[in-house]
Amino acid sequence: MRTYVLLLTLLLSGLAVAASPSDRPPDLQPVPDGAPGPDDAPPVTIKPSSAGRIVEYRANGKLYMLKVIPKYGKPYYLIDQRGDGQFARQDSLDSGMRPPMWVIKEF
Protein backbone atom coordinates (compact mmCIF):
# COMPACT_ATOMS: atom_id res chain seq x y z
CA MET A 1 0.00 0.00 0.00
CA ARG A 2 2.81 2.41 0.87
CA THR A 3 4.43 1.71 -2.48
CA TYR A 4 1.29 2.72 -4.35
CA VAL A 5 0.91 5.93 -2.35
CA LEU A 6 4.57 6.79 -2.95
CA LEU A 7 4.27 6.02 -6.66
CA LEU A 8 1.09 8.10 -6.94
CA THR A 9 2.74 11.01 -5.10
CA LEU A 10 5.77 10.91 -7.39
CA LEU A 11 3.57 10.74 -10.48
CA LEU A 12 1.45 13.71 -9.40
CA SER A 13 4.47 15.78 -8.44
CA GLY A 14 6.04 15.02 -11.82
CA LEU A 15 2.88 16.21 -13.57
CA ALA A 16 2.85 19.39 -11.49
CA VAL A 17 6.45 20.17 -12.45
CA ALA A 18 5.84 19.40 -16.12
CA ALA A 19 2.78 21.69 -16.35
CA SER A 20 3.40 25.12 -17.85
CA PRO A 21 3.08 27.93 -15.31
CA SER A 22 0.22 30.29 -16.07
CA ASP A 23 1.26 33.10 -13.70
CA ARG A 24 4.40 33.97 -15.72
CA PRO A 25 4.44 37.47 -17.29
CA PRO A 26 4.12 37.39 -21.09
CA ASP A 27 7.11 39.64 -21.98
CA LEU A 28 10.05 38.01 -20.18
CA GLN A 29 13.52 38.71 -21.55
CA PRO A 30 16.48 36.33 -21.06
CA VAL A 31 19.24 37.41 -18.71
CA PRO A 32 22.40 38.41 -20.62
CA ASP A 33 25.36 36.11 -20.15
CA GLY A 34 28.93 37.07 -19.51
CA ALA A 35 30.85 39.34 -17.20
CA PRO A 36 29.62 42.86 -16.48
CA GLY A 37 30.86 45.40 -18.97
CA PRO A 38 32.26 48.87 -18.38
CA ASP A 39 28.78 50.40 -18.70
CA ASP A 40 27.46 48.25 -15.83
CA ALA A 41 29.66 49.86 -13.16
CA PRO A 42 28.48 53.03 -11.42
CA PRO A 43 30.20 56.14 -12.75
CA VAL A 44 33.00 57.19 -10.41
CA THR A 45 34.73 60.57 -10.48
CA ILE A 46 37.97 61.19 -8.57
CA LYS A 47 38.68 64.82 -7.73
CA PRO A 48 42.14 65.54 -6.32
CA SER A 49 42.65 68.58 -4.10
CA SER A 50 45.37 69.99 -1.88
CA ALA A 51 43.75 68.39 1.20
CA GLY A 52 43.35 64.90 -0.35
CA ARG A 53 40.97 63.24 -2.78
CA ILE A 54 37.20 62.98 -3.14
CA VAL A 55 35.68 60.01 -4.96
CA GLU A 56 32.11 60.61 -6.18
CA TYR A 57 29.76 57.69 -6.87
CA ARG A 58 26.71 58.25 -9.07
CA ALA A 59 23.73 56.13 -10.10
CA ASN A 60 21.44 57.29 -12.90
CA GLY A 61 23.29 60.62 -12.90
CA LYS A 62 22.53 61.27 -9.22
CA LEU A 63 25.27 61.57 -6.59
CA TYR A 64 24.63 59.06 -3.79
CA MET A 65 27.99 58.60 -2.05
CA LEU A 66 31.27 60.43 -1.51
CA LYS A 67 34.47 58.85 -0.27
CA VAL A 68 36.72 61.49 1.26
CA ILE A 69 40.38 60.48 1.42
CA PRO A 70 42.26 63.17 3.36
CA LYS A 71 45.99 63.57 2.89
CA TYR A 72 46.49 62.85 6.61
CA GLY A 73 44.01 60.69 8.51
CA LYS A 74 41.53 57.92 7.83
CA PRO A 75 39.17 57.98 4.84
CA TYR A 76 35.45 58.33 5.51
CA TYR A 77 32.22 58.19 3.54
CA LEU A 78 29.39 60.68 3.09
CA ILE A 79 26.22 58.83 2.09
CA ASP A 80 22.86 60.19 0.95
CA GLN A 81 20.63 57.56 2.55
CA ARG A 82 17.23 59.07 1.72
CA GLY A 83 18.04 60.59 -1.68
CA ASP A 84 17.29 64.16 -0.56
CA GLY A 85 20.82 65.57 -0.92
CA GLN A 86 21.61 65.47 2.82
CA PHE A 87 24.81 63.48 3.35
CA ALA A 88 25.60 61.68 6.61
CA ARG A 89 29.13 60.71 7.61
CA GLN A 90 30.13 57.09 8.10
CA ASP A 91 33.65 56.02 8.98
CA SER A 92 33.26 52.75 7.08
CA LEU A 93 30.73 50.95 4.94
CA ASP A 94 30.57 48.15 7.54
CA SER A 95 27.12 48.21 9.13
CA GLY A 96 28.25 46.12 12.11
CA MET A 97 25.65 43.45 11.42
CA ARG A 98 27.10 39.96 11.43
CA PRO A 99 25.27 36.83 10.30
CA PRO A 100 25.37 33.93 12.76
CA MET A 101 27.98 31.34 11.84
CA TRP A 102 28.51 27.90 13.31
CA VAL A 103 30.93 25.14 12.52
CA ILE A 104 28.90 22.25 11.18
CA LYS A 105 31.68 19.84 10.33
CA GLU A 106 35.45 19.96 10.29
CA PHE A 107 37.67 17.70 8.25
C-alpha atoms as a PDB file:
ATOM      1  CA  MET A   1       0.000   0.000   0.000  1.00  0.00           C
ATOM      2  CA  ARG A   2       2.808   2.414   0.866  1.00  0.00           C
ATOM      3  CA  THR A   3       4.432   1.706  -2.479  1.00  0.00           C
ATOM      4  CA  TYR A   4       1.290   2.717  -4.352  1.00  0.00           C
ATOM      5  CA  VAL A   5       0.915   5.926  -2.346  1.00  0.00           C
ATOM      6  CA  LEU A   6       4.569   6.786  -2.950  1.00  0.00           C
ATOM      7  CA  LEU A   7       4.269   6.016  -6.662  1.00  0.00           C
ATOM      8  CA  LEU A   8       1.088   8.097  -6.944  1.00  0.00           C
ATOM      9  CA  THR A   9       2.740  11.010  -5.104  1.00  0.00           C
ATOM     10  CA  LEU A  10       5.772  10.914  -7.393  1.00  0.00           C
ATOM     11  CA  LEU A  11       3.567  10.743 -10.481  1.00  0.00           C
ATOM     12  CA  LEU A  12       1.447  13.712  -9.404  1.00  0.00           C
ATOM     13  CA  SER A  13       4.474  15.778  -8.436  1.00  0.00           C
ATOM     14  CA  GLY A  14       6.038  15.019 -11.819  1.00  0.00           C
ATOM     15  CA  LEU A  15       2.881  16.209 -13.566  1.00  0.00           C
ATOM     16  CA  ALA A  16       2.847  19.387 -11.486  1.00  0.00           C
ATOM     17  CA  VAL A  17       6.448  20.165 -12.446  1.00  0.00           C
ATOM     18  CA  ALA A  18       5.842  19.398 -16.120  1.00  0.00           C
ATOM     19  CA  ALA A  19       2.783  21.690 -16.353  1.00  0.00           C
ATOM     20  CA  SER A  20       3.399  25.119 -17.849  1.00  0.00           C
ATOM     21  CA  PRO A  21       3.081  27.932 -15.311  1.00  0.00           C
ATOM     22  CA  SER A  22       0.224  30.290 -16.069  1.00  0.00           C
ATOM     23  CA  ASP A  23       1.263  33.099 -13.704  1.00  0.00           C
ATOM     24  CA  ARG A  24       4.398  33.971 -15.724  1.00  0.00           C
ATOM     25  CA  PRO A  25       4.443  37.471 -17.288  1.00  0.00           C
ATOM     26  CA  PRO A  26       4.119  37.387 -21.088  1.00  0.00           C
ATOM     27  CA  ASP A  27       7.108  39.642 -21.976  1.00  0.00           C
ATOM     28  CA  LEU A  28      10.055  38.009 -20.179  1.00  0.00           C
ATOM     29  CA  GLN A  29      13.520  38.705 -21.552  1.00  0.00           C
ATOM     30  CA  PRO A  30      16.482  36.330 -21.061  1.00  0.00           C
ATOM     31  CA  VAL A  31      19.240  37.415 -18.707  1.00  0.00           C
ATOM     32  CA  PRO A  32      22.399  38.412 -20.619  1.00  0.00           C
ATOM     33  CA  ASP A  33      25.359  36.108 -20.150  1.00  0.00           C
ATOM     34  CA  GLY A  34      28.926  37.074 -19.509  1.00  0.00           C
ATOM     35  CA  ALA A  35      30.851  39.339 -17.201  1.00  0.00           C
ATOM     36  CA  PRO A  36      29.622  42.860 -16.483  1.00  0.00           C
ATOM     37  CA  GLY A  37      30.855  45.402 -18.965  1.00  0.00           C
ATOM     38  CA  PRO A  38      32.259  48.869 -18.381  1.00  0.00           C
ATOM     39  CA  ASP A  39      28.780  50.403 -18.705  1.00  0.00           C
ATOM     40  CA  ASP A  40      27.456  48.251 -15.826  1.00  0.00           C
ATOM     41  CA  ALA A  41      29.661  49.859 -13.158  1.00  0.00           C
ATOM     42  CA  PRO A  42      28.485  53.026 -11.420  1.00  0.00           C
ATOM     43  CA  PRO A  43      30.196  56.141 -12.745  1.00  0.00           C
ATOM     44  CA  VAL A  44      32.995  57.186 -10.408  1.00  0.00           C
ATOM     45  CA  THR A  45      34.729  60.573 -10.476  1.00  0.00           C
ATOM     46  CA  ILE A  46      37.967  61.189  -8.573  1.00  0.00           C
ATOM     47  CA  LYS A  47      38.684  64.819  -7.732  1.00  0.00           C
ATOM     48  CA  PRO A  48      42.141  65.542  -6.320  1.00  0.00           C
ATOM     49  CA  SER A  49      42.650  68.582  -4.100  1.00  0.00           C
ATOM     50  CA  SER A  50      45.366  69.988  -1.880  1.00  0.00           C
ATOM     51  CA  ALA A  51      43.748  68.388   1.201  1.00  0.00           C
ATOM     52  CA  GLY A  52      43.354  64.905  -0.345  1.00  0.00           C
ATOM     53  CA  ARG A  53      40.967  63.241  -2.784  1.00  0.00           C
ATOM     54  CA  ILE A  54      37.198  62.979  -3.141  1.00  0.00           C
ATOM     55  CA  VAL A  55      35.678  60.012  -4.959  1.00  0.00           C
ATOM     56  CA  GLU A  56      32.108  60.606  -6.183  1.00  0.00           C
ATOM     57  CA  TYR A  57      29.761  57.688  -6.873  1.00  0.00           C
ATOM     58  CA  ARG A  58      26.709  58.250  -9.072  1.00  0.00           C
ATOM     59  CA  ALA A  59      23.732  56.128 -10.099  1.00  0.00           C
ATOM     60  CA  ASN A  60      21.437  57.294 -12.900  1.00  0.00           C
ATOM     61  CA  GLY A  61      23.289  60.617 -12.901  1.00  0.00           C
ATOM     62  CA  LYS A  62      22.531  61.268  -9.218  1.00  0.00           C
ATOM     63  CA  LEU A  63      25.270  61.572  -6.591  1.00  0.00           C
ATOM     64  CA  TYR A  64      24.630  59.060  -3.791  1.00  0.00           C
ATOM     65  CA  MET A  65      27.994  58.598  -2.047  1.00  0.00           C
ATOM     66  CA  LEU A  66      31.271  60.434  -1.509  1.00  0.00           C
ATOM     67  CA  LYS A  67      34.474  58.850  -0.273  1.00  0.00           C
ATOM     68  CA  VAL A  68      36.719  61.485   1.264  1.00  0.00           C
ATOM     69  CA  ILE A  69      40.383  60.478   1.420  1.00  0.00           C
ATOM     70  CA  PRO A  70      42.263  63.170   3.362  1.00  0.00           C
ATOM     71  CA  LYS A  71      45.989  63.573   2.892  1.00  0.00           C
ATOM     72  CA  TYR A  72      46.487  62.846   6.609  1.00  0.00           C
ATOM     73  CA  GLY A  73      44.015  60.692   8.508  1.00  0.00           C
ATOM     74  CA  LYS A  74      41.533  57.922   7.827  1.00  0.00           C
ATOM     75  CA  PRO A  75      39.175  57.975   4.844  1.00  0.00           C
ATOM     76  CA  TYR A  76      35.453  58.334   5.511  1.00  0.00           C
ATOM     77  CA  TYR A  77      32.218  58.194   3.539  1.00  0.00           C
ATOM     78  CA  LEU A  78      29.392  60.676   3.089  1.00  0.00           C
ATOM     79  CA  ILE A  79      26.225  58.828   2.093  1.00  0.00           C
ATOM     80  CA  ASP A  80      22.863  60.193   0.952  1.00  0.00           C
ATOM     81  CA  GLN A  81      20.633  57.556   2.552  1.00  0.00           C
ATOM     82  CA  ARG A  82      17.231  59.068   1.721  1.00  0.00           C
ATOM     83  CA  GLY A  83      18.036  60.586  -1.682  1.00  0.00           C
ATOM     84  CA  ASP A  84      17.287  64.159  -0.557  1.00  0.00           C
ATOM     85  CA  GLY A  85      20.818  65.566  -0.916  1.00  0.00           C
ATOM     86  CA  GLN A  86      21.606  65.473   2.818  1.00  0.00           C
ATOM     87  CA  PHE A  87      24.807  63.478   3.350  1.00  0.00           C
ATOM     88  CA  ALA A  88      25.597  61.681   6.610  1.00  0.00           C
ATOM     89  CA  ARG A  89      29.128  60.714   7.612  1.00  0.00           C
ATOM     90  CA  GLN A  90      30.131  57.089   8.098  1.00  0.00           C
ATOM     91  CA  ASP A  91      33.645  56.024   8.981  1.00  0.00           C
ATOM     92  CA  SER A  92      33.262  52.749   7.081  1.00  0.00           C
ATOM     93  CA  LEU A  93      30.728  50.948   4.937  1.00  0.00           C
ATOM     94  CA  ASP A  94      30.572  48.151   7.535  1.00  0.00           C
ATOM     95  CA  SER A  95      27.120  48.210   9.134  1.00  0.00           C
ATOM     96  CA  GLY A  96      28.254  46.125  12.106  1.00  0.00           C
ATOM     97  CA  MET A  97      25.645  43.449  11.420  1.00  0.00           C
ATOM     98  CA  ARG A  98      27.099  39.964  11.431  1.00  0.00           C
ATOM     99  CA  PRO A  99      25.268  36.828  10.300  1.00  0.00           C
ATOM    100  CA  PRO A 100      25.373  33.929  12.759  1.00  0.00           C
ATOM    101  CA  MET A 101      27.979  31.341  11.838  1.00  0.00           C
ATOM    102  CA  TRP A 102      28.506  27.901  13.310  1.00  0.00           C
ATOM    103  CA  VAL A 103      30.934  25.136  12.516  1.00  0.00           C
ATOM    104  CA  ILE A 104      28.903  22.246  11.178  1.00  0.00           C
ATOM    105  CA  LYS A 105      31.678  19.838  10.331  1.00  0.00           C
ATOM    106  CA  GLU A 106      35.454  19.962  10.294  1.00  0.00           C
ATOM    107  CA  PHE A 107      37.672  17.700   8.250  1.00  0.00           C
END
